[in-house]
Amino acid sequence: MPLIAGQEGYAIYCCSSYGPVFGNGHDLCIVDSPNSNHCSVNLNNTYMYQCPAGQNANSFLTGNETFTVSEIEVFGFEKY
C-alpha cells in the first residue's frame, strides 16, 4: 500500500543531530548514528499509511518502532 504525504511542506526535515527525518511528526527518523537502535517509525502524522488488517503501522515497515540501519542509499535532490 502506498505511503501518502498528508501535509504539504513537511516531506523531509534536515538537522545536524539527525540524519533524514520524514514528516512533521518524525514519521520516519534516521539518526546520525543509524546503527544505534534510535531510528524510529511513527507513521500517520504527516505520512498516512494503511497497512494490512491486524498490523501496526509503526512496526509494519521495520518490525519495530525503533530499529537500526544496516545499509542506506542516499539520493541528492534540489529544491526549486
N, C-alpha and C. Protein backbone atom coordinates (compact mmCIF):
# COMPACT_ATOMS: atom_id res chain seq x y z
N MET A 1 0.84 -1.17 0.00
CA MET A 1 0.00 0.00 0.00
C MET A 1 0.89 1.24 0.00
N PRO A 2 0.45 2.29 -0.67
CA PRO A 2 1.30 3.48 -0.79
C PRO A 2 1.39 4.29 0.49
N LEU A 3 2.49 5.00 0.60
CA LEU A 3 2.70 5.96 1.68
C LEU A 3 2.33 7.32 1.09
N ILE A 4 1.36 8.00 1.68
CA ILE A 4 0.85 9.24 1.11
C ILE A 4 1.15 10.41 2.04
N ALA A 5 1.76 11.47 1.50
CA ALA A 5 2.04 12.66 2.29
C ALA A 5 0.75 13.42 2.52
N GLY A 6 0.42 13.68 3.80
CA GLY A 6 -0.82 14.34 4.14
C GLY A 6 -0.67 15.82 4.39
N GLN A 7 0.53 16.32 4.68
CA GLN A 7 0.73 17.73 4.97
C GLN A 7 1.81 18.28 4.05
N GLU A 8 1.43 19.15 3.16
CA GLU A 8 2.38 19.72 2.21
C GLU A 8 3.43 20.54 2.96
N GLY A 9 4.67 20.45 2.54
CA GLY A 9 5.74 21.23 3.15
C GLY A 9 6.49 20.50 4.25
N TYR A 10 6.07 19.30 4.59
CA TYR A 10 6.73 18.56 5.67
C TYR A 10 7.28 17.22 5.19
N ALA A 11 7.68 17.15 3.95
CA ALA A 11 8.17 15.89 3.40
C ALA A 11 9.44 15.42 4.09
N ILE A 12 10.40 16.34 4.27
CA ILE A 12 11.68 15.96 4.88
C ILE A 12 12.18 17.11 5.75
N TYR A 13 12.82 16.74 6.85
CA TYR A 13 13.39 17.70 7.79
C TYR A 13 14.86 17.35 7.94
N CYS A 14 15.70 18.34 7.87
CA CYS A 14 17.14 18.09 7.99
C CYS A 14 17.69 18.88 9.18
N CYS A 15 18.51 18.21 9.99
CA CYS A 15 19.12 18.82 11.16
C CYS A 15 20.45 18.12 11.41
N SER A 16 21.44 18.83 11.92
CA SER A 16 22.77 18.24 12.10
C SER A 16 22.79 17.11 13.13
N SER A 17 21.83 17.06 14.03
CA SER A 17 21.81 16.00 15.04
C SER A 17 21.02 14.77 14.58
N TYR A 18 20.43 14.84 13.40
CA TYR A 18 19.69 13.72 12.82
C TYR A 18 20.25 13.42 11.45
N GLY A 19 19.88 12.28 10.97
CA GLY A 19 20.01 12.01 9.55
C GLY A 19 18.73 12.55 8.94
N PRO A 20 18.22 11.95 7.88
CA PRO A 20 16.96 12.44 7.33
C PRO A 20 15.77 12.11 8.24
N VAL A 21 14.87 13.06 8.36
CA VAL A 21 13.62 12.87 9.10
C VAL A 21 12.50 13.16 8.13
N PHE A 22 11.59 12.22 7.97
CA PHE A 22 10.49 12.37 7.04
C PHE A 22 9.20 12.60 7.81
N GLY A 23 8.54 13.71 7.51
CA GLY A 23 7.26 14.03 8.12
C GLY A 23 7.38 14.95 9.31
N ASN A 24 6.34 15.76 9.53
CA ASN A 24 6.29 16.74 10.61
C ASN A 24 6.31 16.08 11.99
N GLY A 25 5.76 14.91 12.13
CA GLY A 25 5.75 14.21 13.41
C GLY A 25 6.84 13.17 13.52
N HIS A 26 7.93 13.36 12.76
CA HIS A 26 9.03 12.38 12.69
C HIS A 26 8.48 11.00 12.35
N ASP A 27 7.71 10.95 11.26
CA ASP A 27 7.11 9.69 10.82
C ASP A 27 8.18 8.62 10.59
N LEU A 28 9.27 9.00 9.97
CA LEU A 28 10.40 8.10 9.78
C LEU A 28 11.66 8.89 10.08
N CYS A 29 12.40 8.47 11.09
CA CYS A 29 13.56 9.22 11.57
C CYS A 29 14.80 8.35 11.54
N ILE A 30 15.80 8.77 10.78
CA ILE A 30 17.09 8.10 10.72
C ILE A 30 18.08 9.00 11.46
N VAL A 31 18.60 8.55 12.57
CA VAL A 31 19.50 9.38 13.38
C VAL A 31 20.90 9.42 12.78
N ASP A 32 21.77 10.28 13.33
CA ASP A 32 23.12 10.45 12.78
C ASP A 32 24.01 9.23 13.00
N SER A 33 23.64 8.33 13.90
CA SER A 33 24.36 7.05 14.06
C SER A 33 23.33 5.93 13.91
N PRO A 34 22.98 5.61 12.65
CA PRO A 34 21.84 4.72 12.38
C PRO A 34 21.97 3.30 12.91
N ASN A 35 23.16 2.86 13.31
CA ASN A 35 23.29 1.50 13.86
C ASN A 35 23.13 1.49 15.38
N SER A 36 22.55 2.56 15.97
CA SER A 36 22.43 2.67 17.42
C SER A 36 21.05 2.31 17.96
N ASN A 37 20.14 1.83 17.14
CA ASN A 37 18.78 1.46 17.54
C ASN A 37 17.95 2.66 18.00
N HIS A 38 18.29 3.85 17.54
CA HIS A 38 17.49 5.02 17.87
C HIS A 38 16.72 5.56 16.67
N CYS A 39 16.79 4.88 15.55
CA CYS A 39 15.96 5.24 14.41
C CYS A 39 14.53 4.85 14.78
N SER A 40 13.55 5.57 14.23
CA SER A 40 12.19 5.27 14.65
C SER A 40 11.17 5.49 13.54
N VAL A 41 10.04 4.82 13.71
CA VAL A 41 8.89 4.95 12.81
C VAL A 41 7.70 5.38 13.67
N ASN A 42 7.01 6.42 13.23
CA ASN A 42 5.82 6.90 13.92
C ASN A 42 4.87 7.43 12.85
N LEU A 43 4.33 6.53 12.04
CA LEU A 43 3.53 6.92 10.88
C LEU A 43 2.19 7.54 11.27
N ASN A 44 1.57 8.14 10.29
CA ASN A 44 0.24 8.74 10.35
C ASN A 44 0.23 10.10 11.03
N ASN A 45 1.37 10.77 11.11
CA ASN A 45 1.40 12.18 11.49
C ASN A 45 1.34 13.02 10.22
N THR A 46 2.30 12.84 9.35
CA THR A 46 2.32 13.51 8.05
C THR A 46 2.05 12.50 6.95
N TYR A 47 2.71 11.35 7.05
CA TYR A 47 2.54 10.30 6.04
C TYR A 47 1.47 9.32 6.50
N MET A 48 0.45 9.17 5.69
CA MET A 48 -0.64 8.26 6.01
C MET A 48 -0.35 6.91 5.37
N TYR A 49 -0.38 5.88 6.18
CA TYR A 49 -0.09 4.54 5.68
C TYR A 49 -1.18 3.60 6.15
N GLN A 50 -1.81 2.93 5.23
CA GLN A 50 -2.84 1.97 5.58
C GLN A 50 -2.23 0.59 5.43
N CYS A 51 -1.82 0.01 6.55
CA CYS A 51 -1.18 -1.30 6.49
C CYS A 51 -2.25 -2.39 6.52
N PRO A 52 -1.87 -3.62 6.25
CA PRO A 52 -2.84 -4.73 6.25
C PRO A 52 -3.56 -4.86 7.59
N ALA A 53 -4.76 -5.36 7.55
CA ALA A 53 -5.59 -5.55 8.75
C ALA A 53 -4.82 -6.35 9.80
N GLY A 54 -4.90 -5.91 11.04
CA GLY A 54 -4.25 -6.60 12.14
C GLY A 54 -2.80 -6.24 12.35
N GLN A 55 -2.26 -5.35 11.52
CA GLN A 55 -0.86 -4.94 11.63
C GLN A 55 -0.77 -3.53 12.21
N ASN A 56 0.30 -3.25 12.91
CA ASN A 56 0.56 -1.94 13.49
C ASN A 56 1.39 -1.12 12.50
N ALA A 57 0.92 0.07 12.15
CA ALA A 57 1.61 0.91 11.17
C ALA A 57 3.00 1.31 11.64
N ASN A 58 3.24 1.38 12.96
CA ASN A 58 4.54 1.80 13.48
C ASN A 58 5.56 0.67 13.53
N SER A 59 5.13 -0.56 13.31
CA SER A 59 6.09 -1.67 13.29
C SER A 59 6.05 -2.45 11.98
N PHE A 60 5.09 -2.19 11.13
CA PHE A 60 4.94 -2.97 9.90
C PHE A 60 6.12 -2.81 8.94
N LEU A 61 6.63 -1.60 8.77
CA LEU A 61 7.71 -1.37 7.80
C LEU A 61 9.05 -1.92 8.26
N THR A 62 9.34 -1.87 9.56
CA THR A 62 10.67 -2.23 10.06
C THR A 62 10.67 -3.37 11.08
N GLY A 63 9.50 -3.81 11.53
CA GLY A 63 9.42 -4.88 12.51
C GLY A 63 9.34 -4.36 13.94
N ASN A 64 9.63 -3.08 14.16
CA ASN A 64 9.58 -2.49 15.49
C ASN A 64 9.52 -0.97 15.33
N GLU A 65 9.08 -0.26 16.38
CA GLU A 65 9.05 1.20 16.31
C GLU A 65 10.46 1.79 16.28
N THR A 66 11.41 1.14 16.92
CA THR A 66 12.82 1.57 16.84
C THR A 66 13.59 0.49 16.11
N PHE A 67 14.62 0.91 15.40
CA PHE A 67 15.36 -0.04 14.58
C PHE A 67 16.75 0.48 14.30
N THR A 68 17.60 -0.38 13.80
CA THR A 68 18.93 0.01 13.34
C THR A 68 18.95 -0.08 11.81
N VAL A 69 19.85 0.65 11.21
CA VAL A 69 20.00 0.65 9.77
C VAL A 69 21.32 -0.04 9.43
N SER A 70 21.25 -1.08 8.63
CA SER A 70 22.48 -1.78 8.26
C SER A 70 22.99 -1.31 6.90
N GLU A 71 22.12 -0.72 6.10
CA GLU A 71 22.51 -0.25 4.77
C GLU A 71 21.59 0.92 4.40
N ILE A 72 22.16 1.95 3.81
CA ILE A 72 21.36 3.11 3.42
C ILE A 72 21.82 3.59 2.05
N GLU A 73 20.88 3.98 1.23
CA GLU A 73 21.18 4.52 -0.08
C GLU A 73 20.77 5.99 -0.08
N VAL A 74 21.66 6.85 -0.51
CA VAL A 74 21.42 8.29 -0.43
C VAL A 74 21.26 8.87 -1.83
N PHE A 75 20.23 9.67 -1.99
CA PHE A 75 19.97 10.37 -3.24
C PHE A 75 20.03 11.87 -2.96
N GLY A 76 20.51 12.61 -3.90
CA GLY A 76 20.50 14.07 -3.78
C GLY A 76 19.26 14.64 -4.43
N PHE A 77 18.84 15.79 -3.95
CA PHE A 77 17.73 16.48 -4.58
C PHE A 77 17.98 17.97 -4.49
N GLU A 78 17.33 18.70 -5.36
CA GLU A 78 17.49 20.13 -5.39
C GLU A 78 16.12 20.78 -5.25
N LYS A 79 15.98 21.68 -4.31
CA LYS A 79 14.70 22.37 -4.09
C LYS A 79 14.60 23.54 -5.05
N TYR A 80 13.48 23.65 -5.72
CA TYR A 80 13.25 24.74 -6.67
C TYR A 80 12.45 25.83 -6.04
